[in-house]
Structures are given as C-alpha cells and as structure tokens.
Amino acid sequence: MNDFRTGYIAIIGRPNVGKSTLVNALLGQKIAAVSPKPQTTRKRQLGILTTDNYQLVFVDTPGIHHARHKLGEFLNQEAQESLEGVDVILWLVDVSVKPMEEDKQIGSLLNKLPRRTPLVLAANKMDLIPAEALTARLEAYQASVKKEAMVISISAVQNQNLDQLIELLVSLSPARPPEFDEEQVTDSYERDIAADLIREACLNKLRDEVPHGVGVRVDEFSERENGMLYIAATVFVERDSQKGILIGESGRMMKAIGSAARQEIEEMGGRKVFLELRVKVLKDWRNDENALQRFGYKIKKKKR
C-alpha cells in the first residue's frame, strides 16, 4: 500500500464540453446525467475510480458560464469551490471549436489559483478536428492561462487516449491510502441520481425554451414487497405554457420522458422501477432563493 496513490481531480470547463461524459467513460458506467444541452450538471458529484494501485476521485462540476439568474450564480459558485483543496485541476475544453468567452473566463479564474496545483489541459472531441489543425487550436486555449499546463488530446465519446489520461493523473496524485471503499463509485445517493436522470430525460426530450426551467423533486423513493423500486417525483417548470409543453398532447411527452428516465434508473440500479411523475408550476423558481434552497441549491453570500 506504500506505493498506492489517491488523487482528487477537479474537472472544470464551460457548459457542454463533455465533463459528465468523461466521468462516465472513465468509470465505465453512468453516474452523471448527460445531454447535448448546456448546464446539465447542477451540483458537484464525485466519481470514484479504484484499482489495486490507485484511487482517482473525480469532482464533476457545473459548467462555468455568464449567470443570468440566481441558479446560474449557484452553478458558478459550485464549480469555483470545487477547485479548492484538490490535487489536480483538469481543464476540459472542446477542441473542435475556437475558445469562447467562457473559456477565457475560466483561464482568468485559473490564473488566480496557487501555482503548486498541477493543471492538465484535456482537449476533448479530438475526433472532430483535422489533425493538422489541432496544434494551433491547443495553442489558442493555452494562451488564456498563464499557469503551465500539461496537455493531452482525448475523445470521451470515442474512448481515445483515456488510458493515457488516467496514467497522467495517477502520476500527479500523491502517495496515500484510498479514502473510499473500492466498490464505491460516487458519493451521490441513488435517490439524487434518479432526480438527475429524470431531469436529463426532460433535457433530451424537450425543445430549447423549456429545459433549463425544469427542476425535479423526488417525493417518494421506496422498495415494494415484490422488490420493485417505486419513485414518485414532481417536475417543476416556471410558466403555465411550459407545463403544457412538458405534458404534451394527451400526455404523450410526459410518458416519453417517464419511459426514458425509468430505463436509465433501472440500468443504474439493476432492478425494476415504477416511476410516477407529476408536473407543477413554480413561477420564476431559478431566481427565488427559497425555492432554490428547497432544491438543494444554496447560494453563499460573498464576503466583503
């Protein structure tokens, strides 16, 4: 055990660069909600990868972005706080596109951090850019951060260079015993992951103007005598018009969302699930601090 390494790896990046997809790929199983729409991740979640020689604890964070409401402030706060006290910072970028303003925002944030924390710049989606354009694109991302970064190109979806990424992260992790049991893959409760998977189904099924106004509360999570898991959840939206879209004609959209979420939850837990969903309107909840707190999003007051 003297040679055993344990490292906390904070994964930071703007929305939609593939942070949760990467965590799921590294663990070889799904623990984090994924959708093509930004801001799928709303809370920090640990993904724990353990072997005989190392334990890597990945801190999956919300995407850094320009906040337009109090929920956005919470997401940015969650991401920034995840950088404190970690062993390695993994800055994930979408190398298939040029750096955006939010990438520069992250570069400025990284420049304020202690230089002693190793920084890895992981260029995701390398499969979507011609090889001859890769170097120039990487240089464009490196230009926004003064801190020296180790660079690696990967594709989380195609599983390209993920073994090399793990080797690099292990080499940067300190020698110390594991902190979690070897069979534990996340710090999140099954109930909380189920709520995220319901929201993921909403994100994947709904049109653009609705998804980010969706919040999910699990009201009941219990096992029945026949071994089936019973979940009752409420899906909240901000306007009456969104409620109609979410339910759909003759309830078709709600059924499609429920079916997709149920399949994901069953795959996660390995048991049959009965999922009951209802929809409520909670006007402008993303700007309501009391509502945010009920969903578990608590914004800390900035120190003067």
C-alpha atoms as a PDB file:
ATOM      1  CA  MET A   1       0.000   0.000   0.000  1.00  0.00           C
ATOM      2  CA  ASN A   2       3.066   2.284   0.293  1.00  0.00           C
ATOM      3  CA  ASP A   3       3.024   2.859  -3.472  1.00  0.00           C
ATOM      4  CA  PHE A   4      -0.729   3.455  -3.569  1.00  0.00           C
ATOM      5  CA  ARG A   5      -1.792   6.843  -4.927  1.00  0.00           C
ATOM      6  CA  THR A   6      -5.003   8.748  -4.231  1.00  0.00           C
ATOM      7  CA  GLY A   7      -5.842  11.951  -6.040  1.00  0.00           C
ATOM      8  CA  TYR A   8      -8.755  14.382  -6.077  1.00  0.00           C
ATOM      9  CA  ILE A   9      -9.232  15.663  -9.627  1.00  0.00           C
ATOM     10  CA  ALA A  10     -11.440  18.730 -10.166  1.00  0.00           C
ATOM     11  CA  ILE A  11     -12.876  18.786 -13.691  1.00  0.00           C
ATOM     12  CA  ILE A  12     -13.643  22.311 -14.835  1.00  0.00           C
ATOM     13  CA  GLY A  13     -14.859  23.654 -18.172  1.00  0.00           C
ATOM     14  CA  ARG A  14     -17.586  25.693 -19.806  1.00  0.00           C
ATOM     15  CA  PRO A  15     -21.003  24.069 -20.393  1.00  0.00           C
ATOM     16  CA  ASN A  16     -21.252  21.262 -22.935  1.00  0.00           C
ATOM     17  CA  VAL A  17     -17.572  20.339 -23.286  1.00  0.00           C
ATOM     18  CA  GLY A  18     -18.233  16.781 -22.060  1.00  0.00           C
ATOM     19  CA  LYS A  19     -17.322  16.777 -18.357  1.00  0.00           C
ATOM     20  CA  SER A  20     -20.018  14.306 -17.267  1.00  0.00           C
ATOM     21  CA  THR A  21     -19.500  12.213 -20.399  1.00  0.00           C
ATOM     22  CA  LEU A  22     -15.802  11.974 -19.498  1.00  0.00           C
ATOM     23  CA  VAL A  23     -16.507  10.924 -15.901  1.00  0.00           C
ATOM     24  CA  ASN A  24     -18.938   8.230 -17.063  1.00  0.00           C
ATOM     25  CA  ALA A  25     -16.393   6.983 -19.624  1.00  0.00           C
ATOM     26  CA  LEU A  26     -13.529   6.862 -17.112  1.00  0.00           C
ATOM     27  CA  LEU A  27     -15.644   4.933 -14.600  1.00  0.00           C
ATOM     28  CA  GLY A  28     -17.074   2.618 -17.242  1.00  0.00           C
ATOM     29  CA  GLN A  29     -20.607   3.223 -16.002  1.00  0.00           C
ATOM     30  CA  LYS A  30     -23.119   6.043 -15.834  1.00  0.00           C
ATOM     31  CA  ILE A  31     -23.323   8.076 -12.634  1.00  0.00           C
ATOM     32  CA  ALA A  32     -23.842  11.546 -14.120  1.00  0.00           C
ATOM     33  CA  ALA A  33     -26.649  12.975 -16.225  1.00  0.00           C
ATOM     34  CA  VAL A  34     -25.657  13.775 -19.808  1.00  0.00           C
ATOM     35  CA  SER A  35     -27.460  15.727 -22.519  1.00  0.00           C
ATOM     36  CA  PRO A  36     -26.485  17.804 -25.556  1.00  0.00           C
ATOM     37  CA  LYS A  37     -27.893  20.896 -23.832  1.00  0.00           C
ATOM     38  CA  PRO A  38     -25.664  23.022 -21.563  1.00  0.00           C
ATOM     39  CA  GLN A  39     -25.928  23.164 -17.762  1.00  0.00           C
ATOM     40  CA  THR A  40     -26.990  19.530 -17.395  1.00  0.00           C
ATOM     41  CA  THR A  41     -24.815  19.221 -14.270  1.00  0.00           C
ATOM     42  CA  ARG A  42     -26.117  21.396 -11.437  1.00  0.00           C
ATOM     43  CA  LYS A  43     -24.218  20.085  -8.410  1.00  0.00           C
ATOM     44  CA  ARG A  44     -20.788  18.758  -7.653  1.00  0.00           C
ATOM     45  CA  GLN A  45     -20.652  14.977  -7.823  1.00  0.00           C
ATOM     46  CA  LEU A  46     -17.790  12.619  -7.097  1.00  0.00           C
ATOM     47  CA  GLY A  47     -16.885   9.822  -9.481  1.00  0.00           C
ATOM     48  CA  ILE A  48     -14.537   7.327  -7.831  1.00  0.00           C
ATOM     49  CA  LEU A  49     -12.224   5.053  -9.828  1.00  0.00           C
ATOM     50  CA  THR A  50     -10.326   2.482  -7.742  1.00  0.00           C
ATOM     51  CA  THR A  51      -7.799  -0.174  -8.758  1.00  0.00           C
ATOM     52  CA  ASP A  52      -5.163  -2.143  -6.841  1.00  0.00           C
ATOM     53  CA  ASN A  53      -2.694   0.711  -7.314  1.00  0.00           C
ATOM     54  CA  TYR A  54      -4.653   3.966  -7.225  1.00  0.00           C
ATOM     55  CA  GLN A  55      -7.887   5.758  -6.429  1.00  0.00           C
ATOM     56  CA  LEU A  56      -8.860   8.763  -8.553  1.00  0.00           C
ATOM     57  CA  VAL A  57     -11.707  10.878  -7.184  1.00  0.00           C
ATOM     58  CA  PHE A  58     -13.157  12.993  -9.994  1.00  0.00           C
ATOM     59  CA  VAL A  59     -15.088  16.094  -8.956  1.00  0.00           C
ATOM     60  CA  ASP A  60     -17.636  16.683 -11.746  1.00  0.00           C
ATOM     61  CA  THR A  61     -18.755  20.325 -11.699  1.00  0.00           C
ATOM     62  CA  PRO A  62     -21.321  22.583 -13.389  1.00  0.00           C
ATOM     63  CA  GLY A  63     -20.066  24.473 -16.438  1.00  0.00           C
ATOM     64  CA  ILE A  64     -18.691  27.978 -15.852  1.00  0.00           C
ATOM     65  CA  HIS A  65     -20.886  30.481 -17.707  1.00  0.00           C
ATOM     66  CA  HIS A  66     -22.316  34.010 -17.576  1.00  0.00           C
ATOM     67  CA  ALA A  67     -25.044  33.713 -14.948  1.00  0.00           C
ATOM     68  CA  ARG A  68     -28.443  35.169 -15.851  1.00  0.00           C
ATOM     69  CA  HIS A  69     -30.281  34.140 -12.663  1.00  0.00           C
ATOM     70  CA  LYS A  70     -29.599  33.005  -9.099  1.00  0.00           C
ATOM     71  CA  LEU A  71     -29.412  29.348 -10.140  1.00  0.00           C
ATOM     72  CA  GLY A  72     -26.614  30.328 -12.550  1.00  0.00           C
ATOM     73  CA  GLU A  73     -24.793  32.050  -9.670  1.00  0.00           C
ATOM     74  CA  PHE A  74     -25.039  28.828  -7.674  1.00  0.00           C
ATOM     75  CA  LEU A  75     -23.671  26.739 -10.556  1.00  0.00           C
ATOM     76  CA  ASN A  76     -20.635  29.012 -10.972  1.00  0.00           C
ATOM     77  CA  GLN A  77     -20.088  29.026  -7.202  1.00  0.00           C
ATOM     78  CA  GLU A  78     -20.184  25.209  -7.107  1.00  0.00           C
ATOM     79  CA  ALA A  79     -17.623  24.969  -9.910  1.00  0.00           C
ATOM     80  CA  GLN A  80     -15.229  27.504  -8.398  1.00  0.00           C
ATOM     81  CA  GLU A  81     -15.351  25.964  -4.917  1.00  0.00           C
ATOM     82  CA  SER A  82     -14.519  22.546  -6.375  1.00  0.00           C
ATOM     83  CA  LEU A  83     -11.027  23.850  -7.225  1.00  0.00           C
ATOM     84  CA  GLU A  84     -10.135  24.303  -3.558  1.00  0.00           C
ATOM     85  CA  GLY A  85      -8.019  21.630  -1.879  1.00  0.00           C
ATOM     86  CA  VAL A  86      -7.744  19.259  -4.848  1.00  0.00           C
ATOM     87  CA  ASP A  87      -4.589  17.521  -6.042  1.00  0.00           C
ATOM     88  CA  VAL A  88      -5.020  18.157  -9.780  1.00  0.00           C
ATOM     89  CA  ILE A  89      -7.148  20.509 -11.877  1.00  0.00           C
ATOM     90  CA  LEU A  90      -8.357  19.029 -15.158  1.00  0.00           C
ATOM     91  CA  TRP A  91      -9.455  21.801 -17.511  1.00  0.00           C
ATOM     92  CA  LEU A  92     -11.612  20.190 -20.188  1.00  0.00           C
ATOM     93  CA  VAL A  93     -12.080  22.111 -23.446  1.00  0.00           C
ATOM     94  CA  ASP A  94     -13.921  21.381 -26.670  1.00  0.00           C
ATOM     95  CA  VAL A  95     -11.017  21.469 -29.111  1.00  0.00           C
ATOM     96  CA  SER A  96     -13.350  21.140 -32.103  1.00  0.00           C
ATOM     97  CA  VAL A  97     -14.265  24.839 -31.720  1.00  0.00           C
ATOM     98  CA  LYS A  98     -12.293  28.019 -31.050  1.00  0.00           C
ATOM     99  CA  PRO A  99     -12.073  29.297 -27.452  1.00  0.00           C
ATOM    100  CA  MET A 100     -15.194  31.128 -26.344  1.00  0.00           C
ATOM    101  CA  GLU A 101     -15.601  33.983 -23.873  1.00  0.00           C
ATOM    102  CA  GLU A 102     -16.431  31.466 -21.131  1.00  0.00           C
ATOM    103  CA  ASP A 103     -13.138  29.633 -21.799  1.00  0.00           C
ATOM    104  CA  LYS A 104     -11.296  32.926 -21.275  1.00  0.00           C
ATOM    105  CA  GLN A 105     -13.303  33.410 -18.063  1.00  0.00           C
ATOM    106  CA  ILE A 106     -12.022  30.033 -16.859  1.00  0.00           C
ATOM    107  CA  GLY A 107      -8.462  30.978 -17.846  1.00  0.00           C
ATOM    108  CA  SER A 108      -8.717  34.111 -15.679  1.00  0.00           C
ATOM    109  CA  LEU A 109     -10.035  32.018 -12.784  1.00  0.00           C
ATOM    110  CA  LEU A 110      -7.182  29.513 -13.129  1.00  0.00           C
ATOM    111  CA  ASN A 111      -4.638  32.344 -13.164  1.00  0.00           C
ATOM    112  CA  LYS A 112      -5.736  33.329  -9.651  1.00  0.00           C
ATOM    113  CA  LEU A 113      -5.172  29.847  -8.203  1.00  0.00           C
ATOM    114  CA  PRO A 114      -1.995  28.682  -6.411  1.00  0.00           C
ATOM    115  CA  ARG A 115       0.656  27.618  -8.915  1.00  0.00           C
ATOM    116  CA  ARG A 116       1.503  24.491  -6.920  1.00  0.00           C
ATOM    117  CA  THR A 117      -1.668  22.671  -8.023  1.00  0.00           C
ATOM    118  CA  PRO A 118      -0.888  20.772 -11.265  1.00  0.00           C
ATOM    119  CA  LEU A 119      -3.028  21.758 -14.260  1.00  0.00           C
ATOM    120  CA  VAL A 120      -3.916  19.358 -17.065  1.00  0.00           C
ATOM    121  CA  LEU A 121      -5.469  20.786 -20.224  1.00  0.00           C
ATOM    122  CA  ALA A 122      -7.520  17.981 -21.772  1.00  0.00           C
ATOM    123  CA  ALA A 123      -8.594  18.744 -25.345  1.00  0.00           C
ATOM    124  CA  ASN A 124     -11.813  16.786 -25.753  1.00  0.00           C
ATOM    125  CA  LYS A 125     -13.522  15.920 -29.067  1.00  0.00           C
ATOM    126  CA  MET A 126     -10.197  15.497 -30.878  1.00  0.00           C
ATOM    127  CA  ASP A 127     -12.027  13.195 -33.300  1.00  0.00           C
ATOM    128  CA  LEU A 128     -13.977  16.202 -34.623  1.00  0.00           C
ATOM    129  CA  ILE A 129     -10.999  18.299 -35.749  1.00  0.00           C
ATOM    130  CA  PRO A 130      -8.404  17.618 -38.510  1.00  0.00           C
ATOM    131  CA  ALA A 131      -5.049  16.559 -37.073  1.00  0.00           C
ATOM    132  CA  GLU A 132      -3.227  19.403 -38.838  1.00  0.00           C
ATOM    133  CA  ALA A 133      -5.443  21.995 -37.080  1.00  0.00           C
ATOM    134  CA  LEU A 134      -5.056  20.525 -33.595  1.00  0.00           C
ATOM    135  CA  THR A 135      -1.795  22.215 -32.559  1.00  0.00           C
ATOM    136  CA  ALA A 136      -2.963  25.741 -33.402  1.00  0.00           C
ATOM    137  CA  ARG A 137      -6.254  25.177 -31.595  1.00  0.00           C
ATOM    138  CA  LEU A 138      -4.447  23.905 -28.477  1.00  0.00           C
ATOM    139  CA  GLU A 139      -2.187  26.967 -28.500  1.00  0.00           C
ATOM    140  CA  ALA A 140      -5.265  29.194 -28.633  1.00  0.00           C
ATOM    141  CA  TYR A 141      -6.598  27.608 -25.441  1.00  0.00           C
ATOM    142  CA  GLN A 142      -3.208  27.681 -23.698  1.00  0.00           C
ATOM    143  CA  ALA A 143      -2.882  31.411 -24.438  1.00  0.00           C
ATOM    144  CA  SER A 144      -5.649  32.278 -21.969  1.00  0.00           C
ATOM    145  CA  VAL A 145      -3.890  30.777 -18.942  1.00  0.00           C
ATOM    146  CA  LYS A 146      -0.506  31.816 -17.504  1.00  0.00           C
ATOM    147  CA  LYS A 147      -0.149  28.663 -15.425  1.00  0.00           C
ATOM    148  CA  GLU A 148       1.933  25.924 -17.068  1.00  0.00           C
ATOM    149  CA  ALA A 149      -0.332  23.109 -18.196  1.00  0.00           C
ATOM    150  CA  MET A 150       0.271  19.522 -19.263  1.00  0.00           C
ATOM    151  CA  VAL A 151      -1.690  18.959 -22.482  1.00  0.00           C
ATOM    152  CA  ILE A 152      -3.401  15.813 -23.716  1.00  0.00           C
ATOM    153  CA  SER A 153      -5.900  15.324 -26.546  1.00  0.00           C
ATOM    154  CA  ILE A 154      -8.779  12.931 -25.924  1.00  0.00           C
ATOM    155  CA  SER A 155     -12.223  11.891 -27.078  1.00  0.00           C
ATOM    156  CA  ALA A 156     -14.523  10.879 -24.222  1.00  0.00           C
ATOM    157  CA  VAL A 157     -17.177   9.564 -26.629  1.00  0.00           C
ATOM    158  CA  GLN A 158     -14.715   7.540 -28.731  1.00  0.00           C
ATOM    159  CA  ASN A 159     -12.610   6.421 -25.720  1.00  0.00           C
ATOM    160  CA  GLN A 160      -9.463   7.848 -27.325  1.00  0.00           C
ATOM    161  CA  ASN A 161      -6.406   8.394 -25.080  1.00  0.00           C
ATOM    162  CA  LEU A 162      -8.374   7.878 -21.856  1.00  0.00           C
ATOM    163  CA  ASP A 163      -5.837   5.308 -20.578  1.00  0.00           C
ATOM    164  CA  GLN A 164      -3.072   7.847 -21.164  1.00  0.00           C
ATOM    165  CA  LEU A 165      -5.101  10.495 -19.328  1.00  0.00           C
ATOM    166  CA  ILE A 166      -5.512   8.180 -16.333  1.00  0.00           C
ATOM    167  CA  GLU A 167      -1.770   7.424 -16.307  1.00  0.00           C
ATOM    168  CA  LEU A 168      -1.010  11.152 -16.282  1.00  0.00           C
ATOM    169  CA  LEU A 169      -3.471  11.874 -13.464  1.00  0.00           C
ATOM    170  CA  VAL A 170      -2.129   8.980 -11.370  1.00  0.00           C
ATOM    171  CA  SER A 171       1.437  10.255 -11.819  1.00  0.00           C
ATOM    172  CA  LEU A 172       0.344  13.666 -10.483  1.00  0.00           C
ATOM    173  CA  SER A 173      -1.519  12.215  -7.480  1.00  0.00           C
ATOM    174  CA  PRO A 174       0.169  11.935  -4.075  1.00  0.00           C
ATOM    175  CA  ALA A 175       1.102   8.645  -2.415  1.00  0.00           C
ATOM    176  CA  ARG A 176      -1.561   7.978   0.223  1.00  0.00           C
ATOM    177  CA  PRO A 177      -4.118   5.286   1.118  1.00  0.00           C
ATOM    178  CA  PRO A 178      -7.570   5.207  -0.506  1.00  0.00           C
ATOM    179  CA  GLU A 179     -10.329   7.233   1.159  1.00  0.00           C
ATOM    180  CA  PHE A 180     -13.339   5.348  -0.241  1.00  0.00           C
ATOM    181  CA  ASP A 181     -14.263   1.662  -0.329  1.00  0.00           C
ATOM    182  CA  GLU A 182     -13.189   0.010  -3.568  1.00  0.00           C
ATOM    183  CA  GLU A 183     -16.771  -0.758  -4.643  1.00  0.00           C
ATOM    184  CA  GLN A 184     -17.982   2.846  -4.172  1.00  0.00           C
ATOM    185  CA  VAL A 185     -18.229   4.782  -7.461  1.00  0.00           C
ATOM    186  CA  THR A 186     -19.934   8.006  -6.329  1.00  0.00           C
ATOM    187  CA  ASP A 187     -20.832   9.999  -3.220  1.00  0.00           C
ATOM    188  CA  SER A 188     -24.355  10.694  -4.514  1.00  0.00           C
ATOM    189  CA  TYR A 189     -27.362   8.805  -3.199  1.00  0.00           C
ATOM    190  CA  GLU A 190     -29.393   6.706  -5.642  1.00  0.00           C
ATOM    191  CA  ARG A 191     -32.372   8.986  -4.941  1.00  0.00           C
ATOM    192  CA  ASP A 192     -30.421  12.091  -6.039  1.00  0.00           C
ATOM    193  CA  ILE A 193     -29.096  10.389  -9.178  1.00  0.00           C
ATOM    194  CA  ALA A 194     -32.668   9.354 -10.044  1.00  0.00           C
ATOM    195  CA  ALA A 195     -33.743  13.020  -9.871  1.00  0.00           C
ATOM    196  CA  ASP A 196     -30.882  13.959 -12.205  1.00  0.00           C
ATOM    197  CA  LEU A 197     -31.823  11.200 -14.647  1.00  0.00           C
ATOM    198  CA  ILE A 198     -35.423  12.432 -14.742  1.00  0.00           C
ATOM    199  CA  ARG A 199     -34.152  15.940 -15.494  1.00  0.00           C
ATOM    200  CA  GLU A 200     -31.801  14.518 -18.129  1.00  0.00           C
ATOM    201  CA  ALA A 201     -34.797  12.900 -19.860  1.00  0.00           C
ATOM    202  CA  CYS A 202     -36.545  16.282 -19.844  1.00  0.00           C
ATOM    203  CA  LEU A 203     -33.472  17.956 -21.353  1.00  0.00           C
ATOM    204  CA  ASN A 204     -33.227  15.354 -24.086  1.00  0.00           C
ATOM    205  CA  LYS A 205     -36.916  15.334 -24.997  1.00  0.00           C
ATOM    206  CA  LEU A 206     -37.945  18.976 -24.713  1.00  0.00           C
ATOM    207  CA  ARG A 207     -37.415  21.873 -27.082  1.00  0.00           C
ATOM    208  CA  ASP A 208     -34.925  24.637 -26.288  1.00  0.00           C
ATOM    209  CA  GLU A 209     -37.099  27.138 -24.422  1.00  0.00           C
ATOM    210  CA  VAL A 210     -38.235  24.732 -21.694  1.00  0.00           C
ATOM    211  CA  PRO A 211     -35.381  22.525 -20.341  1.00  0.00           C
ATOM    212  CA  HIS A 212     -33.443  24.963 -18.175  1.00  0.00           C
ATOM    213  CA  GLY A 213     -36.622  25.991 -16.349  1.00  0.00           C
ATOM    214  CA  VAL A 214     -37.070  22.385 -15.166  1.00  0.00           C
ATOM    215  CA  GLY A 215     -36.418  21.285 -11.593  1.00  0.00           C
ATOM    216  CA  VAL A 216     -37.083  17.820 -10.156  1.00  0.00           C
ATOM    217  CA  ARG A 217     -38.026  16.835  -6.607  1.00  0.00           C
ATOM    218  CA  VAL A 218     -38.246  13.156  -5.616  1.00  0.00           C
ATOM    219  CA  ASP A 219     -41.209  12.865  -3.241  1.00  0.00           C
ATOM    220  CA  GLU A 220     -41.047   9.117  -2.547  1.00  0.00           C
ATOM    221  CA  PHE A 221     -38.299   6.561  -3.081  1.00  0.00           C
ATOM    222  CA  SER A 222     -39.117   3.151  -1.637  1.00  0.00           C
ATOM    223  CA  GLU A 223     -38.824  -0.553  -2.353  1.00  0.00           C
ATOM    224  CA  ARG A 224     -42.037  -2.535  -2.606  1.00  0.00           C
ATOM    225  CA  GLU A 225     -42.539  -6.088  -1.330  1.00  0.00           C
ATOM    226  CA  ASN A 226     -42.014  -7.542  -4.813  1.00  0.00           C
ATOM    227  CA  GLY A 227     -38.558  -5.912  -4.971  1.00  0.00           C
ATOM    228  CA  MET A 228     -39.666  -3.201  -7.399  1.00  0.00           C
ATOM    229  CA  LEU A 229     -38.434   0.335  -6.716  1.00  0.00           C
ATOM    230  CA  TYR A 230     -41.250   2.902  -6.502  1.00  0.00           C
ATOM    231  CA  ILE A 231     -40.365   6.519  -7.293  1.00  0.00           C
ATOM    232  CA  ALA A 232     -42.781   9.438  -7.215  1.00  0.00           C
ATOM    233  CA  ALA A 233     -41.361  12.751  -8.407  1.00  0.00           C
ATOM    234  CA  THR A 234     -42.570  16.248  -9.204  1.00  0.00           C
ATOM    235  CA  VAL A 235     -41.212  18.096 -12.225  1.00  0.00           C
ATOM    236  CA  PHE A 236     -41.347  21.857 -11.720  1.00  0.00           C
ATOM    237  CA  VAL A 237     -41.461  24.450 -14.509  1.00  0.00           C
ATOM    238  CA  GLU A 238     -41.588  28.246 -14.359  1.00  0.00           C
ATOM    239  CA  ARG A 239     -44.610  29.044 -16.553  1.00  0.00           C
ATOM    240  CA  ASP A 240     -48.021  27.597 -17.381  1.00  0.00           C
ATOM    241  CA  SER A 241     -47.076  27.392 -21.075  1.00  0.00           C
ATOM    242  CA  GLN A 242     -44.088  25.201 -20.163  1.00  0.00           C
ATOM    243  CA  LYS A 243     -46.351  22.862 -18.218  1.00  0.00           C
ATOM    244  CA  GLY A 244     -48.446  22.271 -21.331  1.00  0.00           C
ATOM    245  CA  ILE A 245     -45.345  21.523 -23.411  1.00  0.00           C
ATOM    246  CA  LEU A 246     -43.996  19.171 -20.751  1.00  0.00           C
ATOM    247  CA  ILE A 247     -47.222  17.175 -20.538  1.00  0.00           C
ATOM    248  CA  GLY A 248     -47.783  17.207 -24.305  1.00  0.00           C
ATOM    249  CA  GLU A 249     -50.850  16.245 -26.291  1.00  0.00           C
ATOM    250  CA  SER A 250     -52.775  13.516 -24.441  1.00  0.00           C
ATOM    251  CA  GLY A 251     -49.815  13.276 -22.020  1.00  0.00           C
ATOM    252  CA  ARG A 252     -47.503  11.869 -24.719  1.00  0.00           C
ATOM    253  CA  MET A 253     -44.451  13.975 -23.806  1.00  0.00           C
ATOM    254  CA  MET A 254     -44.735  13.132 -20.113  1.00  0.00           C
ATOM    255  CA  LYS A 255     -44.995   9.428 -20.969  1.00  0.00           C
ATOM    256  CA  ALA A 256     -41.919   9.635 -23.213  1.00  0.00           C
ATOM    257  CA  ILE A 257     -39.932  11.422 -20.501  1.00  0.00           C
ATOM    258  CA  GLY A 258     -41.049   8.917 -17.874  1.00  0.00           C
ATOM    259  CA  SER A 259     -40.166   5.949 -20.071  1.00  0.00           C
ATOM    260  CA  ALA A 260     -36.674   7.289 -20.872  1.00  0.00           C
ATOM    261  CA  ALA A 261     -35.965   8.157 -17.229  1.00  0.00           C
ATOM    262  CA  ARG A 262     -37.241   4.798 -15.969  1.00  0.00           C
ATOM    263  CA  GLN A 263     -34.953   2.879 -18.336  1.00  0.00           C
ATOM    264  CA  GLU A 264     -31.913   4.866 -17.179  1.00  0.00           C
ATOM    265  CA  ILE A 265     -32.779   4.399 -13.479  1.00  0.00           C
ATOM    266  CA  GLU A 266     -33.316   0.658 -13.977  1.00  0.00           C
ATOM    267  CA  GLU A 267     -29.955   0.361 -15.721  1.00  0.00           C
ATOM    268  CA  MET A 268     -28.263   2.270 -12.901  1.00  0.00           C
ATOM    269  CA  GLY A 269     -29.813   0.240 -10.064  1.00  0.00           C
ATOM    270  CA  GLY A 270     -30.214  -3.137 -11.733  1.00  0.00           C
ATOM    271  CA  ARG A 271     -33.843  -3.541 -10.660  1.00  0.00           C
ATOM    272  CA  LYS A 272     -37.337  -2.835 -11.965  1.00  0.00           C
ATOM    273  CA  VAL A 273     -38.713   0.658 -11.369  1.00  0.00           C
ATOM    274  CA  PHE A 274     -42.235   2.063 -11.214  1.00  0.00           C
ATOM    275  CA  LEU A 275     -41.915   5.794 -11.900  1.00  0.00           C
ATOM    276  CA  GLU A 276     -44.774   8.215 -11.291  1.00  0.00           C
ATOM    277  CA  LEU A 277     -44.341  11.815 -12.450  1.00  0.00           C
ATOM    278  CA  ARG A 278     -46.446  14.916 -11.994  1.00  0.00           C
ATOM    279  CA  VAL A 279     -45.917  18.497 -13.161  1.00  0.00           C
ATOM    280  CA  LYS A 280     -46.259  21.732 -11.183  1.00  0.00           C
ATOM    281  CA  VAL A 281     -45.651  25.404 -11.955  1.00  0.00           C
ATOM    282  CA  LEU A 282     -43.318  27.287  -9.577  1.00  0.00           C
ATOM    283  CA  LYS A 283     -43.047  30.719 -11.112  1.00  0.00           C
ATOM    284  CA  ASP A 284     -39.503  32.040 -11.718  1.00  0.00           C
ATOM    285  CA  TRP A 285     -38.033  29.483  -9.296  1.00  0.00           C
ATOM    286  CA  ARG A 286     -34.497  29.950 -10.650  1.00  0.00           C
ATOM    287  CA  ASN A 287     -34.488  33.469  -9.158  1.00  0.00           C
ATOM    288  CA  ASP A 288     -36.230  32.514  -5.905  1.00  0.00           C
ATOM    289  CA  GLU A 289     -33.677  31.806  -3.154  1.00  0.00           C
ATOM    290  CA  ASN A 290     -36.227  29.928  -1.011  1.00  0.00           C
ATOM    291  CA  ALA A 291     -37.194  27.691  -3.930  1.00  0.00           C
ATOM    292  CA  LEU A 292     -33.544  27.128  -4.827  1.00  0.00           C
ATOM    293  CA  GLN A 293     -32.817  26.089  -1.254  1.00  0.00           C
ATOM    294  CA  ARG A 294     -35.656  23.521  -1.383  1.00  0.00           C
ATOM    295  CA  PHE A 295     -33.979  22.019  -4.456  1.00  0.00           C
ATOM    296  CA  GLY A 296     -30.645  21.931  -2.607  1.00  0.00           C
ATOM    297  CA  TYR A 297     -29.087  24.943  -4.349  1.00  0.00           C
ATOM    298  CA  LYS A 298     -27.858  27.299  -1.627  1.00  0.00           C
ATOM    299  CA  ILE A 299     -26.020  30.441  -2.725  1.00  0.00           C
ATOM    300  CA  LYS A 300     -23.384  31.555  -0.244  1.00  0.00           C
ATOM    301  CA  LYS A 301     -23.114  35.257   0.424  1.00  0.00           C
ATOM    302  CA  LYS A 302     -19.873  36.818  -0.815  1.00  0.00           C
ATOM    303  CA  LYS A 303     -17.540  38.017   1.945  1.00  0.00           C
ATOM    304  CA  ARG A 304     -16.869  41.713   1.964  1.00  0.00           C
END
